[in-house]
Amino acid sequence: MNRFQCVADLQRRHGVKRLCRILGVSRSSFYYWRRTAAGRAARQVADARLAARIPGALHD
């Protein structure tokens, strides 16, 4: 689990500001990570589809 995911998982109990300070990440970076999550997920799906089409490609 990365630090941003940790903030997301715990934010209801402890607040974003406090968690970011403790984990050493900026709040703006956390909100950027959260805002761009859908794009990252779509890219992972596209990469996996492409890798499946490439003969001899490594599959994770």
C-alpha atoms as a PDB file:
ATOM      1  CA  MET A   1       0.000   0.000   0.000  1.00  0.00           C
ATOM      2  CA  ASN A   2       1.338   3.422  -0.844  1.00  0.00           C
ATOM      3  CA  ARG A   3       1.118   6.473   1.390  1.00  0.00           C
ATOM      4  CA  PHE A   4      -1.672   8.058  -0.641  1.00  0.00           C
ATOM      5  CA  GLN A   5      -3.809   4.941  -0.356  1.00  0.00           C
ATOM      6  CA  CYS A   6      -3.190   4.959   3.383  1.00  0.00           C
ATOM      7  CA  VAL A   7      -4.468   8.546   3.599  1.00  0.00           C
ATOM      8  CA  ALA A   8      -7.537   7.620   1.540  1.00  0.00           C
ATOM      9  CA  ASP A   9      -8.287   4.623   3.748  1.00  0.00           C
ATOM     10  CA  LEU A  10      -7.958   6.519   7.022  1.00  0.00           C
ATOM     11  CA  GLN A  11      -9.195  10.008   6.122  1.00  0.00           C
ATOM     12  CA  ARG A  12     -12.651   9.633   7.684  1.00  0.00           C
ATOM     13  CA  ARG A  13     -11.174   8.821  11.083  1.00  0.00           C
ATOM     14  CA  HIS A  14      -8.180  11.140  11.228  1.00  0.00           C
ATOM     15  CA  GLY A  15      -8.452  13.839   8.553  1.00  0.00           C
ATOM     16  CA  VAL A  16      -6.375  14.394   5.445  1.00  0.00           C
ATOM     17  CA  LYS A  17      -4.267  17.225   6.860  1.00  0.00           C
ATOM     18  CA  ARG A  18      -3.072  15.207   9.850  1.00  0.00           C
ATOM     19  CA  LEU A  19      -2.423  12.022   7.871  1.00  0.00           C
ATOM     20  CA  CYS A  20      -0.450  13.842   5.178  1.00  0.00           C
ATOM     21  CA  ARG A  21       1.712  15.520   7.812  1.00  0.00           C
ATOM     22  CA  ILE A  22       2.391  12.215   9.578  1.00  0.00           C
ATOM     23  CA  LEU A  23       3.111  10.326   6.349  1.00  0.00           C
ATOM     24  CA  GLY A  24       5.217  13.108   4.852  1.00  0.00           C
ATOM     25  CA  VAL A  25       3.148  13.848   1.751  1.00  0.00           C
ATOM     26  CA  SER A  26       1.608  17.119   0.665  1.00  0.00           C
ATOM     27  CA  ARG A  27      -2.156  17.484   0.625  1.00  0.00           C
ATOM     28  CA  SER A  28      -2.053  18.767  -2.946  1.00  0.00           C
ATOM     29  CA  SER A  29      -0.203  15.614  -4.025  1.00  0.00           C
ATOM     30  CA  PHE A  30      -2.794  13.453  -2.285  1.00  0.00           C
ATOM     31  CA  TYR A  31      -5.675  15.249  -3.986  1.00  0.00           C
ATOM     32  CA  TYR A  32      -3.882  15.003  -7.361  1.00  0.00           C
ATOM     33  CA  TRP A  33      -3.395  11.251  -6.815  1.00  0.00           C
ATOM     34  CA  ARG A  34      -7.071  10.858  -5.979  1.00  0.00           C
ATOM     35  CA  ARG A  35      -8.229  12.994  -8.936  1.00  0.00           C
ATOM     36  CA  THR A  36      -6.153  11.006 -11.422  1.00  0.00           C
ATOM     37  CA  ALA A  37      -6.978   7.509 -10.107  1.00  0.00           C
ATOM     38  CA  ALA A  38      -9.461   6.706 -12.885  1.00  0.00           C
ATOM     39  CA  GLY A  39      -6.919   7.557 -15.573  1.00  0.00           C
ATOM     40  CA  ARG A  40      -4.259   5.367 -13.958  1.00  0.00           C
ATOM     41  CA  ALA A  41      -6.688   2.455 -13.694  1.00  0.00           C
ATOM     42  CA  ALA A  42      -7.672   2.803 -17.359  1.00  0.00           C
ATOM     43  CA  ARG A  43      -4.008   2.867 -18.359  1.00  0.00           C
ATOM     44  CA  GLN A  44      -3.305  -0.333 -16.398  1.00  0.00           C
ATOM     45  CA  VAL A  45      -6.187  -2.080 -18.179  1.00  0.00           C
ATOM     46  CA  ALA A  46      -4.978  -0.882 -21.574  1.00  0.00           C
ATOM     47  CA  ASP A  47      -1.409  -1.965 -20.796  1.00  0.00           C
ATOM     48  CA  ALA A  48      -2.596  -5.414 -19.699  1.00  0.00           C
ATOM     49  CA  ARG A  49      -4.619  -5.836 -22.908  1.00  0.00           C
ATOM     50  CA  LEU A  50      -1.650  -4.807 -25.009  1.00  0.00           C
ATOM     51  CA  ALA A  51       0.716  -7.139 -23.141  1.00  0.00           C
ATOM     52  CA  ALA A  52      -1.704 -10.027 -23.731  1.00  0.00           C
ATOM     53  CA  ARG A  53      -1.507  -9.378 -27.484  1.00  0.00           C
ATOM     54  CA  ILE A  54       2.302  -9.369 -27.604  1.00  0.00           C
ATOM     55  CA  PRO A  55       3.770 -12.870 -28.079  1.00  0.00           C
ATOM     56  CA  GLY A  56       6.281 -13.718 -25.371  1.00  0.00           C
ATOM     57  CA  ALA A  57       5.410 -10.670 -23.260  1.00  0.00           C
ATOM     58  CA  LEU A  58       5.736 -10.926 -19.519  1.00  0.00           C
ATOM     59  CA  HIS A  59       2.389 -11.196 -17.794  1.00  0.00           C
ATOM     60  CA  ASP A  60       2.026  -9.837 -14.272  1.00  0.00           C
END
